[in-house]
Amino acid sequence: MIGKLKTLPLLLQNMGWRAFRFRLGYELQKRTGLLKRNFPVQTNFSPAVSLHQWQQQGGRFFFLSKEKLPRFPLNAKALLTLEAEVHQIKRGNILFFNAFALPLGTTYNWTTNPDTGYQYNPAQHWTEINDLDPANGDIKYVWEKSRFTFLYPLIRYDLHTGHDQSAFVFGQILDWIDKNPLNSGPNYVCSQEISLRVLNWTFTLYYYKNADALTEEVFTKIIHSIYWQVKHVEHNIHFSRISVRNNHAITECLCLYLIGLLYPFFPESERWKEQGRKWVEEEGLYQIYPDGSYLQFSMNYHRVVIQLFTWAFYLSDRNNDYFSDALSERVRKSLQFLYQHQDLVTGHLPNYGANDGALFFRLNSQNTAIFVRN
């Protein structure tokens, strides 16, 4: 206890008064159970949105559907690489941190740390989970598959070959929903992880908008989960906006904005869209410096932010809902900053700063590892 008290002045110095006061209050609510009340584990409310209604009236995405995308062949080497990765995914060998695959198997429960074997309790409320216990291992090993970035190789394979992957893809999403009760277990601990999962599910829904596997029952189950996961993000948004203020905050604010934009049927959609746009503006102008550099001083996280703003600007433009000229100019300089550091032959950037291999929306097979680490 004395040791923890000695760290308080250092925390105050690093965080500032506003973030320090917020964090103290947040931890107090968490430890007393007050925070838990804002995140129900059971609810009778489900948004009244039909599959047909969403198909006809949802927001405009990067593309209309799978059928509207041009199909073009890959060269033989690239296709073999993609086929190998799809084969590994279906065997349960999932790429971790864009570096190596781990053998999770085909019956993975989504809550076990594959690095240590520790299994979190999927029925335990997320506010009660100790995610920093060294004996449990790094919780990012649990979160990695639950981001659903592994869906992109399957979608790309579908696009390039015409081999429909929708049944497997929706099967994975439904399995996650069944094994991760609302606001319970390790996959609800981090709102950024929730945001990424919802965005990647959204990409999948739009691609397979007209697939036979997307039945009314499947859509209803997924849309119910998306709605309540975004409710979670909204109720916990100030943790990242005040206490963290890095790429986590941009991801979560972007999630609110885009879900409000693309799913206008939710009762909170207009509020999510307006608040999300406002906060994306604030975070972008705060986190990207005037010269285009990024406050986390990491090429990897800088790339993360560029990908997030690619979603933000393209989809806002598609839906006639624009960001400010000031933010546009700041992001343009940020992209130019990366370009000036890029090797024009390989496309590589210096491995400068923190790098956990984060790549949220992987639409190519560049540097993809297909070996499996035992």
Protein backbone atom coordinates (compact mmCIF):
# COMPACT_ATOMS: atom_id res chain seq x y z
CA MET A 1 0.00 0.00 0.00
CA ILE A 2 2.82 2.41 0.91
CA GLY A 3 4.51 1.61 -2.39
CA LYS A 4 1.36 2.46 -4.31
CA LEU A 5 0.94 5.73 -2.43
CA LYS A 6 4.48 6.73 -3.37
CA THR A 7 3.57 6.45 -7.05
CA LEU A 8 0.72 8.96 -6.78
CA PRO A 9 2.89 12.09 -7.29
CA LEU A 10 4.46 10.49 -10.38
CA LEU A 11 1.04 9.60 -11.78
CA LEU A 12 -0.15 13.15 -11.16
CA GLN A 13 2.89 14.57 -12.91
CA ASN A 14 2.46 12.30 -15.94
CA MET A 15 -1.33 12.51 -16.28
CA GLY A 16 -2.23 16.04 -15.19
CA TRP A 17 -4.96 16.99 -12.74
CA ARG A 18 -7.94 16.30 -15.02
CA ALA A 19 -6.90 12.79 -15.99
CA PHE A 20 -5.68 12.06 -12.46
CA ARG A 21 -9.02 13.05 -10.87
CA PHE A 22 -10.94 11.08 -13.48
CA ARG A 23 -8.84 7.97 -12.97
CA LEU A 24 -9.23 8.11 -9.19
CA GLY A 25 -13.00 8.42 -9.52
CA TYR A 26 -13.13 5.69 -12.15
CA GLU A 27 -11.18 3.23 -10.01
CA LEU A 28 -13.37 4.05 -7.02
CA GLN A 29 -16.53 3.31 -9.03
CA LYS A 30 -14.99 0.13 -10.36
CA ARG A 31 -13.96 -1.19 -6.97
CA THR A 32 -17.25 -0.32 -5.25
CA GLY A 33 -19.39 -1.86 -7.99
CA LEU A 34 -20.96 1.45 -9.07
CA LEU A 35 -19.43 1.20 -12.55
CA LYS A 36 -20.90 -2.26 -13.01
CA ARG A 37 -24.44 -0.87 -12.92
CA ASN A 38 -23.93 0.88 -16.27
CA PHE A 39 -23.14 -2.38 -18.07
CA PRO A 40 -26.00 -4.91 -17.84
CA VAL A 41 -25.40 -8.58 -18.57
CA GLN A 42 -29.02 -9.22 -19.54
CA THR A 43 -31.47 -7.06 -21.43
CA ASN A 44 -34.84 -7.48 -23.04
CA PHE A 45 -34.42 -4.62 -25.48
CA SER A 46 -33.40 -5.38 -29.05
CA PRO A 47 -33.31 -2.81 -31.85
CA ALA A 48 -36.21 -3.33 -34.26
CA VAL A 49 -34.20 -3.54 -37.48
CA SER A 50 -34.93 -6.13 -40.13
CA LEU A 51 -32.40 -7.45 -42.61
CA HIS A 52 -34.39 -5.98 -45.50
CA GLN A 53 -34.63 -2.60 -43.80
CA TRP A 54 -30.88 -2.45 -43.30
CA GLN A 55 -30.18 -3.68 -46.84
CA GLN A 56 -32.32 -0.91 -48.28
CA GLN A 57 -31.71 1.99 -45.90
CA GLY A 58 -28.36 1.47 -44.20
CA GLY A 59 -25.56 3.98 -44.71
CA ARG A 60 -23.29 3.86 -47.75
CA PHE A 61 -20.16 1.77 -47.19
CA PHE A 62 -16.88 1.37 -49.11
CA PHE A 63 -18.83 -0.82 -51.54
CA LEU A 64 -22.47 -1.79 -52.00
CA SER A 65 -21.99 -5.56 -51.71
CA LYS A 66 -19.82 -8.46 -52.86
CA GLU A 67 -21.70 -8.64 -56.15
CA LYS A 68 -20.85 -5.03 -57.02
CA LEU A 69 -17.10 -5.44 -56.57
CA PRO A 70 -14.94 -6.20 -59.63
CA ARG A 71 -13.29 -9.61 -59.43
CA PHE A 72 -9.70 -9.67 -60.55
CA PRO A 73 -7.19 -12.52 -60.47
CA LEU A 74 -4.12 -12.60 -58.25
CA ASN A 75 -0.77 -13.74 -59.59
CA ALA A 76 0.07 -17.37 -58.83
CA LYS A 77 2.40 -16.62 -55.93
CA ALA A 78 -0.01 -14.25 -54.19
CA LEU A 79 -2.90 -16.67 -54.62
CA LEU A 80 -0.89 -19.54 -53.12
CA THR A 81 -0.02 -17.34 -50.14
CA LEU A 82 -3.65 -16.39 -49.64
CA GLU A 83 -4.87 -19.99 -50.05
CA ALA A 84 -2.33 -21.17 -47.49
CA GLU A 85 -3.48 -18.59 -44.96
CA VAL A 86 -7.16 -19.44 -45.49
CA HIS A 87 -6.31 -23.11 -45.00
CA GLN A 88 -4.53 -22.29 -41.74
CA ILE A 89 -7.44 -20.16 -40.50
CA LYS A 90 -9.95 -22.93 -41.10
CA ARG A 91 -7.73 -25.33 -39.17
CA GLY A 92 -7.77 -22.86 -36.28
CA ASN A 93 -4.26 -21.50 -36.79
CA ILE A 94 -4.67 -17.75 -36.33
CA LEU A 95 -2.15 -15.04 -37.12
CA PHE A 96 -1.08 -13.15 -33.99
CA PHE A 97 0.37 -9.63 -34.00
CA ASN A 98 0.95 -9.91 -37.75
CA ALA A 99 3.97 -12.11 -36.99
CA PHE A 100 3.17 -15.77 -36.25
CA ALA A 101 0.23 -18.16 -36.12
CA LEU A 102 -0.91 -20.01 -33.01
CA PRO A 103 -2.85 -23.32 -33.09
CA LEU A 104 -6.11 -22.36 -31.38
CA GLY A 105 -7.99 -25.25 -32.96
CA THR A 106 -11.51 -25.35 -34.36
CA THR A 107 -13.28 -25.38 -30.98
CA TYR A 108 -11.50 -22.42 -29.35
CA ASN A 109 -13.57 -20.85 -26.56
CA TRP A 110 -12.40 -17.22 -27.15
CA THR A 111 -11.45 -16.70 -23.48
CA THR A 112 -8.27 -18.78 -23.08
CA ASN A 113 -4.81 -17.23 -23.28
CA PRO A 114 -3.03 -19.49 -25.82
CA ASP A 115 0.35 -18.33 -24.55
CA THR A 116 -0.17 -19.43 -20.93
CA GLY A 117 -3.25 -21.65 -21.07
CA TYR A 118 -5.05 -19.48 -18.51
CA GLN A 119 -8.82 -19.40 -19.05
CA TYR A 120 -10.83 -16.38 -17.96
CA ASN A 121 -14.33 -16.85 -16.61
CA PRO A 122 -16.69 -15.88 -19.46
CA ALA A 123 -19.51 -15.31 -16.95
CA GLN A 124 -17.57 -12.85 -14.79
CA HIS A 125 -18.50 -9.19 -15.25
CA TRP A 126 -15.78 -7.34 -17.13
CA THR A 127 -15.31 -4.78 -14.30
CA GLU A 128 -14.28 -7.61 -11.97
CA ILE A 129 -11.65 -9.19 -14.22
CA ASN A 130 -8.00 -8.74 -13.29
CA ASP A 131 -6.35 -8.22 -16.67
CA LEU A 132 -2.93 -7.30 -15.25
CA ASP A 133 -2.08 -10.46 -13.32
CA PRO A 134 1.32 -11.65 -14.68
CA ALA A 135 0.38 -15.26 -13.90
CA ASN A 136 -2.45 -15.06 -16.44
CA GLY A 137 -0.23 -13.77 -19.20
CA ASP A 138 -0.72 -10.84 -21.56
CA ILE A 139 -4.46 -10.45 -22.17
CA LYS A 140 -3.72 -9.30 -25.73
CA TYR A 141 -3.33 -12.98 -26.58
CA VAL A 142 -7.01 -13.41 -25.73
CA TRP A 143 -8.08 -10.29 -27.58
CA GLU A 144 -6.25 -11.02 -30.82
CA LYS A 145 -8.68 -13.44 -32.48
CA SER A 146 -11.67 -11.55 -31.06
CA ARG A 147 -10.70 -8.53 -33.16
CA PHE A 148 -11.83 -10.57 -36.19
CA THR A 149 -9.08 -9.26 -38.43
CA PHE A 150 -8.70 -12.88 -39.57
CA LEU A 151 -11.90 -12.41 -41.60
CA TYR A 152 -10.16 -10.25 -44.19
CA PRO A 153 -8.11 -13.06 -45.80
CA LEU A 154 -11.30 -15.11 -46.06
CA ILE A 155 -13.14 -12.22 -47.72
CA ARG A 156 -10.25 -11.55 -50.08
CA TYR A 157 -10.09 -15.23 -51.00
CA ASP A 158 -13.82 -15.17 -51.68
CA LEU A 159 -13.45 -12.09 -53.88
CA HIS A 160 -10.51 -13.38 -55.92
CA THR A 161 -11.69 -16.97 -56.39
CA GLY A 162 -15.47 -16.86 -56.13
CA HIS A 163 -15.44 -19.53 -53.40
CA ASP A 164 -18.12 -18.41 -50.96
CA GLN A 165 -16.88 -18.14 -47.36
CA SER A 166 -20.00 -16.63 -45.81
CA ALA A 167 -21.14 -19.73 -43.89
CA PHE A 168 -17.77 -20.09 -42.16
CA VAL A 169 -17.47 -16.35 -41.51
CA PHE A 170 -20.91 -15.97 -39.95
CA GLY A 171 -20.37 -19.20 -38.05
CA GLN A 172 -17.32 -17.64 -36.37
CA ILE A 173 -19.23 -14.47 -35.44
CA LEU A 174 -22.19 -16.40 -34.01
CA ASP A 175 -19.83 -18.67 -32.06
CA TRP A 176 -18.24 -15.59 -30.48
CA ILE A 177 -21.64 -14.18 -29.52
CA ASP A 178 -22.68 -17.49 -27.95
CA LYS A 179 -19.49 -17.82 -25.91
CA ASN A 180 -19.13 -14.20 -24.79
CA PRO A 181 -22.19 -13.13 -22.79
CA LEU A 182 -22.96 -9.42 -22.79
CA ASN A 183 -20.52 -7.33 -20.73
CA SER A 184 -18.91 -10.47 -19.32
CA GLY A 185 -15.50 -12.05 -19.76
CA PRO A 186 -12.15 -10.68 -20.97
CA ASN A 187 -13.36 -9.57 -24.40
CA TYR A 188 -15.39 -6.72 -22.87
CA VAL A 189 -12.51 -5.29 -20.83
CA CYS A 190 -11.17 -2.98 -23.54
CA SER A 191 -13.48 -0.68 -25.51
CA GLN A 192 -10.99 -0.39 -28.36
CA GLU A 193 -11.16 -4.14 -28.87
CA ILE A 194 -14.96 -3.92 -28.91
CA SER A 195 -14.81 -1.10 -31.46
CA LEU A 196 -12.50 -3.02 -33.79
CA ARG A 197 -14.67 -6.11 -33.55
CA VAL A 198 -17.81 -4.13 -34.44
CA LEU A 199 -16.12 -2.38 -37.38
CA ASN A 200 -14.81 -5.67 -38.76
CA TRP A 201 -18.22 -7.30 -38.37
CA THR A 202 -19.68 -4.33 -40.24
CA PHE A 203 -17.23 -4.83 -43.12
CA THR A 204 -18.34 -8.46 -43.23
CA LEU A 205 -22.06 -7.64 -43.17
CA TYR A 206 -21.72 -5.26 -46.10
CA TYR A 207 -19.62 -7.69 -48.13
CA TYR A 208 -22.05 -10.57 -47.54
CA LYS A 209 -25.16 -8.38 -47.61
CA ASN A 210 -26.90 -10.66 -50.10
CA ALA A 211 -25.44 -14.02 -49.03
CA ASP A 212 -27.78 -16.92 -48.36
CA ALA A 213 -25.97 -17.49 -45.08
CA LEU A 214 -27.11 -14.05 -43.85
CA THR A 215 -30.59 -15.06 -42.81
CA GLU A 216 -32.99 -12.90 -40.83
CA GLU A 217 -32.14 -14.90 -37.70
CA VAL A 218 -28.37 -14.50 -38.20
CA PHE A 219 -28.70 -10.78 -38.90
CA THR A 220 -30.90 -10.19 -35.86
CA LYS A 221 -28.43 -11.94 -33.57
CA ILE A 222 -25.46 -10.00 -34.94
CA ILE A 223 -27.20 -6.62 -34.97
CA HIS A 224 -28.36 -7.13 -31.38
CA SER A 225 -24.76 -7.81 -30.33
CA ILE A 226 -23.41 -4.83 -32.30
CA TYR A 227 -25.95 -2.53 -30.67
CA TRP A 228 -25.11 -3.53 -27.10
CA GLN A 229 -21.37 -3.58 -27.72
CA VAL A 230 -21.55 0.00 -29.00
CA LYS A 231 -23.67 0.93 -25.98
CA HIS A 232 -20.75 -0.36 -23.91
CA VAL A 233 -18.29 1.80 -25.87
CA GLU A 234 -20.44 4.90 -25.33
CA HIS A 235 -20.75 4.35 -21.59
CA ASN A 236 -17.00 3.86 -21.19
CA ILE A 237 -15.78 6.39 -23.78
CA HIS A 238 -14.38 8.91 -21.31
CA PHE A 239 -11.86 6.41 -20.00
CA SER A 240 -9.99 6.56 -23.29
CA ARG A 241 -10.76 10.23 -23.99
CA ILE A 242 -9.53 11.47 -20.61
CA SER A 243 -7.32 8.79 -19.08
CA VAL A 244 -5.64 7.39 -22.22
CA ARG A 245 -5.88 9.76 -25.23
CA ASN A 246 -4.01 7.77 -27.85
CA ASN A 247 -5.11 5.55 -30.73
CA HIS A 248 -7.61 3.88 -28.38
CA ALA A 249 -9.61 7.10 -28.13
CA ILE A 250 -9.62 7.64 -31.90
CA THR A 251 -10.78 4.06 -32.49
CA GLU A 252 -13.64 4.27 -30.00
CA CYS A 253 -14.84 7.71 -31.10
CA LEU A 254 -14.70 6.54 -34.71
CA CYS A 255 -16.77 3.49 -33.78
CA LEU A 256 -19.52 5.67 -32.32
CA TYR A 257 -19.49 7.92 -35.37
CA LEU A 258 -19.55 5.16 -37.97
CA ILE A 259 -22.13 2.96 -36.26
CA GLY A 260 -24.39 6.01 -35.93
CA LEU A 261 -23.80 6.75 -39.61
CA LEU A 262 -24.19 3.23 -41.01
CA TYR A 263 -26.99 1.97 -38.73
CA PRO A 264 -29.39 4.93 -38.57
CA PHE A 265 -32.15 2.78 -37.05
CA PHE A 266 -30.73 2.55 -33.53
CA PRO A 267 -32.39 4.89 -31.01
CA GLU A 268 -29.01 6.46 -30.20
CA SER A 269 -27.67 6.62 -33.78
CA GLU A 270 -27.98 10.37 -34.24
CA ARG A 271 -26.31 11.05 -30.90
CA TRP A 272 -23.54 8.56 -31.60
CA LYS A 273 -22.91 10.11 -35.00
CA GLU A 274 -22.81 13.69 -33.73
CA GLN A 275 -20.77 13.01 -30.61
CA GLY A 276 -18.48 10.63 -32.44
CA ARG A 277 -17.74 13.17 -35.19
CA LYS A 278 -17.06 15.89 -32.62
CA TRP A 279 -14.71 13.70 -30.61
CA VAL A 280 -12.89 12.32 -33.69
CA GLU A 281 -12.20 15.96 -34.61
CA GLU A 282 -10.92 16.76 -31.13
CA GLU A 283 -8.73 13.67 -30.86
CA GLY A 284 -7.29 14.05 -34.35
CA LEU A 285 -6.26 17.67 -33.81
CA TYR A 286 -4.88 16.83 -30.37
CA GLN A 287 -3.00 13.64 -31.23
CA ILE A 288 -1.57 14.60 -34.63
CA TYR A 289 0.92 17.41 -34.32
CA PRO A 290 0.98 20.33 -36.82
CA ASP A 291 4.00 18.85 -38.63
CA GLY A 292 2.14 15.55 -39.15
CA SER A 293 3.96 13.52 -36.52
CA TYR A 294 1.95 11.45 -34.04
CA LEU A 295 2.00 11.73 -30.28
CA GLN A 296 2.76 8.04 -29.63
CA PHE A 297 6.05 8.38 -31.53
CA SER A 298 5.61 5.00 -33.18
CA MET A 299 5.52 4.22 -36.88
CA ASN A 300 3.24 1.27 -36.21
CA TYR A 301 0.66 3.26 -34.25
CA HIS A 302 0.99 6.09 -36.73
CA ARG A 303 -0.08 3.60 -39.42
CA VAL A 304 -2.98 2.52 -37.20
CA VAL A 305 -4.22 6.10 -37.02
CA ILE A 306 -3.91 6.58 -40.78
CA GLN A 307 -6.03 3.46 -41.34
CA LEU A 308 -8.66 4.72 -38.88
CA PHE A 309 -8.87 8.10 -40.59
CA THR A 310 -9.13 6.37 -43.96
CA TRP A 311 -12.38 4.83 -42.70
CA ALA A 312 -13.46 8.17 -41.23
CA PHE A 313 -12.90 10.36 -44.29
CA TYR A 314 -13.97 7.93 -47.00
CA LEU A 315 -17.20 6.90 -45.29
CA SER A 316 -18.10 10.42 -44.20
CA ASP A 317 -17.65 11.55 -47.81
CA ARG A 318 -19.76 8.64 -49.12
CA ASN A 319 -22.55 9.68 -46.76
CA ASN A 320 -22.25 13.47 -47.34
CA ASP A 321 -21.21 14.07 -43.74
CA TYR A 322 -17.89 15.86 -43.66
CA PHE A 323 -15.09 16.63 -41.23
CA SER A 324 -13.47 20.06 -40.90
CA ASP A 325 -10.82 21.42 -43.26
CA ALA A 326 -8.51 21.73 -40.25
CA LEU A 327 -8.66 18.01 -39.52
CA SER A 328 -8.36 17.15 -43.21
CA GLU A 329 -5.15 19.19 -43.47
CA ARG A 330 -3.74 17.68 -40.27
CA VAL A 331 -4.36 14.12 -41.50
CA ARG A 332 -2.93 14.97 -44.94
CA LYS A 333 0.29 16.11 -43.24
CA SER A 334 0.27 12.96 -41.14
CA LEU A 335 0.12 10.79 -44.25
CA GLN A 336 2.87 12.87 -45.85
CA PHE A 337 4.98 12.39 -42.72
CA LEU A 338 4.84 8.60 -43.16
CA TYR A 339 5.51 8.86 -46.88
CA GLN A 340 8.67 10.87 -46.29
CA HIS A 341 10.01 8.06 -44.09
CA GLN A 342 9.02 5.23 -46.43
CA ASP A 343 11.42 3.12 -48.45
CA LEU A 344 10.02 3.57 -51.95
CA VAL A 345 11.32 0.17 -53.10
CA THR A 346 10.02 -2.07 -50.30
CA GLY A 347 7.31 0.17 -48.88
CA HIS A 348 8.78 -0.36 -45.41
CA LEU A 349 9.03 2.23 -42.66
CA PRO A 350 11.68 2.36 -39.92
CA ASN A 351 10.77 0.12 -36.98
CA TYR A 352 10.71 3.13 -34.68
CA GLY A 353 8.82 3.25 -31.40
CA ALA A 354 6.44 0.75 -29.85
CA ASN A 355 5.39 -2.01 -32.25
CA ASP A 356 2.97 -4.76 -31.27
CA GLY A 357 2.21 -5.63 -34.89
CA ALA A 358 -1.21 -3.96 -34.73
CA LEU A 359 -2.86 -3.99 -38.17
CA PHE A 360 -6.60 -3.73 -37.85
CA PHE A 361 -7.77 -3.91 -41.47
CA ARG A 362 -5.36 -6.12 -43.41
CA LEU A 363 -6.27 -6.18 -47.08
CA ASN A 364 -3.09 -7.72 -48.48
CA SER A 365 -0.72 -10.60 -47.75
CA GLN A 366 2.44 -8.52 -47.45
CA ASN A 367 4.83 -10.08 -44.90
CA THR A 368 2.18 -12.57 -43.79
CA ALA A 369 3.60 -15.38 -41.68
CA ILE A 370 1.94 -18.74 -42.28
CA PHE A 371 4.17 -20.79 -40.00
CA VAL A 372 2.56 -22.06 -36.81
CA ARG A 373 4.26 -21.56 -33.47
CA ASN A 374 3.76 -24.53 -31.16
